[in-house]
Amino acid sequence: MKVAVLDINGKDTGRKAELSKEVFAIEPNDHAVYLDVKQYLANQRQGTHKSKERAEITGSTRKIKKQKGTGTARAGSIKSGVFKGGGRMFGPRPRNYNFKLNKNLKRLARKSALSIKAGEKAITVLEDFNFDAPKTKNFTAVLKALDLENKKSLFVLGGSNNNVYLSSRNLNGSEVITNSELSTYKILNANQIVLVEGAIEGIESNLSK
């Protein structure tokens, strides 16, 4: 499939970029996408949640009333979770939420996500560009030219570009990454994917293995 290549002013350069059908036009696998997004979000969790259980509560261990004859339920400790100030029953404990997915499934998920965006006409190809110095207003001008000021956008570069990255860092609605940092979650979380020409070959190479 061919997509028009734009410049940073939003003008058509007259050239077309060829996007591989094996990466940008497959039948999306929804379950692979679900698993990859689930893993990405799970990996963001610190898992440091903790509440005190009855063994960790400071308090008397004296039996608080006699076993029988009170007309109420038996109770052996003021630290029980049924009393105010007692321990939490079945509370959260520190744990690791990470889980493993194989590489082929993750590649399938990313290709599915890119195919979904391509089907929605949400992929723009931009010619390679750079800034003389990191300035947010330069990147804002690019967003304005591409009509992305009020949209979540994901710029994918062919390699590390410090000036472009630093220029975008203060903008909440835009993110700049390299092709090796591309993930299913980031693709689907953006309203518009902007592929810099130099990134296309790297993306197709990574996902065609």
Protein backbone atom coordinates (compact mmCIF):
# COMPACT_ATOMS: atom_id res chain seq x y z
CA MET A 1 0.00 0.00 0.00
CA LYS A 2 1.21 3.50 -0.86
CA VAL A 3 0.91 6.58 1.35
CA ALA A 4 1.72 10.17 0.42
CA VAL A 5 4.84 11.60 2.05
CA LEU A 6 4.34 15.00 3.71
CA ASP A 7 6.89 17.60 4.80
CA ILE A 8 6.93 19.31 8.21
CA ASN A 9 4.71 22.06 6.79
CA GLY A 10 1.99 19.54 6.01
CA LYS A 11 2.53 19.82 2.25
CA ASP A 12 2.57 16.83 -0.10
CA THR A 13 6.11 16.23 -1.35
CA GLY A 14 4.83 14.40 -4.43
CA ARG A 15 6.47 11.17 -3.30
CA LYS A 16 4.80 7.97 -2.09
CA ALA A 17 5.99 5.64 0.66
CA GLU A 18 5.41 1.92 0.20
CA LEU A 19 4.02 0.22 3.32
CA SER A 20 4.30 -3.56 3.45
CA LYS A 21 0.99 -5.43 3.32
CA GLU A 22 2.50 -8.07 5.63
CA VAL A 23 2.81 -5.43 8.38
CA PHE A 24 0.19 -2.74 7.68
CA ALA A 25 -2.62 -4.69 6.01
CA ILE A 26 -3.10 -8.02 7.80
CA GLU A 27 -6.30 -9.37 9.34
CA PRO A 28 -6.04 -8.07 12.94
CA ASN A 29 -5.86 -10.66 15.69
CA ASP A 30 -7.90 -9.12 18.51
CA HIS A 31 -6.82 -11.64 21.14
CA ALA A 32 -3.12 -11.08 20.44
CA VAL A 33 -3.71 -7.33 20.76
CA TYR A 34 -5.56 -7.85 24.05
CA LEU A 35 -2.76 -9.98 25.53
CA ASP A 36 0.00 -7.58 24.50
CA VAL A 37 -1.82 -4.54 25.89
CA LYS A 38 -2.61 -6.46 29.09
CA GLN A 39 1.09 -7.35 29.50
CA TYR A 40 2.18 -3.75 28.86
CA LEU A 41 -0.20 -2.39 31.50
CA ALA A 42 0.68 -5.17 33.95
CA ASN A 43 4.36 -4.30 33.61
CA GLN A 44 3.59 -0.71 34.67
CA ARG A 45 2.24 -1.87 38.04
CA GLN A 46 4.67 -1.62 40.94
CA GLY A 47 2.94 -4.31 42.96
CA THR A 48 4.03 -2.72 46.25
CA HIS A 49 0.50 -2.66 47.75
CA LYS A 50 0.33 -4.01 51.30
CA SER A 51 -2.09 -3.97 54.23
CA LYS A 52 -1.54 -5.33 57.73
CA GLU A 53 -3.03 -8.68 58.61
CA ARG A 54 -3.99 -9.75 62.13
CA ALA A 55 -0.53 -11.17 62.85
CA GLU A 56 1.03 -7.78 62.12
CA ILE A 57 -1.32 -5.65 64.22
CA THR A 58 -0.12 -4.35 67.61
CA GLY A 59 -2.60 -5.35 70.28
CA SER A 60 -3.41 -7.69 73.14
CA THR A 61 -3.60 -11.41 72.56
CA ARG A 62 -5.91 -11.91 75.57
CA LYS A 63 -9.13 -13.73 74.85
CA ILE A 64 -11.57 -10.83 75.02
CA LYS A 65 -14.60 -12.69 76.39
CA LYS A 66 -15.59 -16.17 77.48
CA GLN A 67 -16.22 -18.77 74.82
CA LYS A 68 -19.82 -19.59 75.69
CA GLY A 69 -22.84 -18.01 77.30
CA THR A 70 -22.62 -14.47 75.89
CA GLY A 71 -25.27 -14.92 73.22
CA THR A 72 -22.89 -13.55 70.60
CA ALA A 73 -20.26 -15.05 68.34
CA ARG A 74 -17.12 -16.40 69.98
CA ALA A 75 -14.06 -14.16 69.71
CA GLY A 76 -10.45 -14.87 70.63
CA SER A 77 -8.50 -11.74 69.70
CA ILE A 78 -9.06 -7.99 69.48
CA LYS A 79 -6.78 -8.09 66.41
CA SER A 80 -9.36 -10.03 64.39
CA GLY A 81 -10.49 -8.40 61.16
CA VAL A 82 -14.11 -8.27 62.34
CA PHE A 83 -13.24 -5.60 64.94
CA LYS A 84 -12.41 -1.95 64.38
CA GLY A 85 -8.63 -1.54 64.40
CA GLY A 86 -8.09 -5.20 63.60
CA GLY A 87 -6.13 -6.67 60.72
CA ARG A 88 -7.32 -6.67 57.13
CA MET A 89 -8.73 -10.03 56.02
CA PHE A 90 -7.39 -11.23 52.66
CA GLY A 91 -5.71 -7.86 52.07
CA PRO A 92 -3.28 -7.09 49.22
CA ARG A 93 0.27 -8.38 49.43
CA PRO A 94 3.32 -7.33 47.38
CA ARG A 95 3.42 -9.27 44.11
CA ASN A 96 4.83 -9.20 40.60
CA TYR A 97 2.18 -8.73 37.89
CA ASN A 98 4.51 -9.50 34.97
CA PHE A 99 3.76 -12.43 32.70
CA LYS A 100 5.49 -13.80 29.62
CA LEU A 101 4.37 -13.66 25.99
CA ASN A 102 6.33 -15.19 23.14
CA LYS A 103 7.94 -12.97 20.51
CA ASN A 104 5.79 -14.18 17.61
CA LEU A 105 2.59 -13.25 19.43
CA LYS A 106 3.94 -9.80 20.28
CA ARG A 107 4.92 -9.23 16.62
CA LEU A 108 1.44 -10.33 15.53
CA ALA A 109 -0.12 -7.91 18.03
CA ARG A 110 1.94 -4.95 16.77
CA LYS A 111 1.17 -5.79 13.13
CA SER A 112 -2.51 -6.07 14.03
CA ALA A 113 -2.44 -2.67 15.76
CA LEU A 114 -0.70 -1.03 12.79
CA SER A 115 -3.20 -2.65 10.41
CA ILE A 116 -6.08 -1.30 12.50
CA LYS A 117 -4.63 2.23 12.33
CA ALA A 118 -3.95 1.91 8.60
CA GLY A 119 -7.55 0.80 8.07
CA GLU A 120 -8.72 3.88 9.97
CA LYS A 121 -6.52 6.14 7.80
CA ALA A 122 -4.73 7.14 11.01
CA ILE A 123 -1.17 6.76 9.70
CA THR A 124 0.76 9.72 8.29
CA VAL A 125 4.17 9.45 6.65
CA LEU A 126 6.49 12.40 7.20
CA GLU A 127 9.81 13.06 5.50
CA ASP A 128 12.91 12.91 7.70
CA PHE A 129 13.42 16.12 9.65
CA ASN A 130 15.51 17.64 12.43
CA PHE A 131 15.68 20.82 14.50
CA ASP A 132 18.75 23.01 15.00
CA ALA A 133 18.04 23.10 18.73
CA PRO A 134 15.46 21.63 21.10
CA LYS A 135 12.52 24.05 21.07
CA THR A 136 8.96 23.15 21.95
CA LYS A 137 7.57 25.81 19.60
CA ASN A 138 9.24 24.08 16.64
CA PHE A 139 7.49 20.82 17.41
CA THR A 140 4.21 22.64 18.09
CA ALA A 141 4.48 24.18 14.61
CA VAL A 142 4.80 20.68 13.10
CA LEU A 143 1.70 19.54 15.02
CA LYS A 144 -0.23 22.55 13.80
CA ALA A 145 0.81 21.96 10.18
CA LEU A 146 -0.35 18.33 10.42
CA ASP A 147 -3.59 19.32 12.22
CA LEU A 148 -2.64 17.30 15.30
CA GLU A 149 -2.80 20.04 17.94
CA ASN A 150 -5.86 18.54 19.64
CA LYS A 151 -5.15 14.87 18.97
CA LYS A 152 -3.00 12.26 20.66
CA SER A 153 -0.11 11.66 18.31
CA LEU A 154 2.76 9.19 18.22
CA PHE A 155 5.84 10.13 16.20
CA VAL A 156 8.03 7.17 15.26
CA LEU A 157 11.62 8.03 14.30
CA GLY A 158 14.15 5.87 12.48
CA GLY A 159 16.75 6.43 15.18
CA SER A 160 17.58 8.53 18.21
CA ASN A 161 17.10 12.27 17.63
CA ASN A 162 17.68 14.28 20.79
CA ASN A 163 16.52 17.65 19.44
CA VAL A 164 13.17 16.32 18.24
CA TYR A 165 12.64 14.26 21.41
CA LEU A 166 13.42 17.16 23.77
CA SER A 167 11.22 19.50 21.71
CA SER A 168 8.21 17.23 22.26
CA ARG A 169 8.81 16.30 25.89
CA ASN A 170 6.70 19.11 27.40
CA LEU A 171 3.63 18.27 25.30
CA ASN A 172 1.18 15.89 26.95
CA GLY A 173 -0.66 14.94 23.77
CA SER A 174 2.38 13.88 21.75
CA GLU A 175 5.08 11.26 22.18
CA VAL A 176 8.25 10.68 20.20
CA ILE A 177 9.81 7.21 20.09
CA THR A 178 12.17 5.22 17.88
CA ASN A 179 10.99 2.25 15.81
CA SER A 180 12.56 -0.17 18.32
CA GLU A 181 10.37 1.28 21.13
CA LEU A 182 7.10 0.71 19.27
CA SER A 183 4.49 -1.17 21.30
CA THR A 184 0.91 -2.27 20.70
CA TYR A 185 -0.37 -0.11 23.56
CA LYS A 186 1.30 3.06 22.27
CA ILE A 187 -0.02 2.45 18.75
CA LEU A 188 -3.61 2.03 19.91
CA ASN A 189 -3.41 4.81 22.50
CA ALA A 190 -2.67 7.43 19.83
CA ASN A 191 -5.26 9.00 17.56
CA GLN A 192 -2.69 9.47 14.78
CA ILE A 193 0.55 7.62 14.04
CA VAL A 194 3.21 9.73 12.31
CA LEU A 195 5.91 7.58 10.72
CA VAL A 196 9.07 9.37 9.72
CA GLU A 197 10.30 7.91 6.42
CA GLY A 198 13.47 6.54 7.97
CA ALA A 199 11.45 4.50 10.49
CA ILE A 200 9.44 2.46 7.99
CA GLU A 201 12.25 0.11 6.99
CA GLY A 202 13.16 -0.56 10.63
CA ILE A 203 9.54 -1.29 11.60
CA GLU A 204 9.04 -3.69 8.71
CA SER A 205 12.37 -5.36 9.41
CA ASN A 206 11.54 -5.85 13.12
CA LEU A 207 8.05 -7.21 12.46
CA SER A 208 8.82 -9.41 9.47
CA LYS A 209 11.27 -11.69 11.30
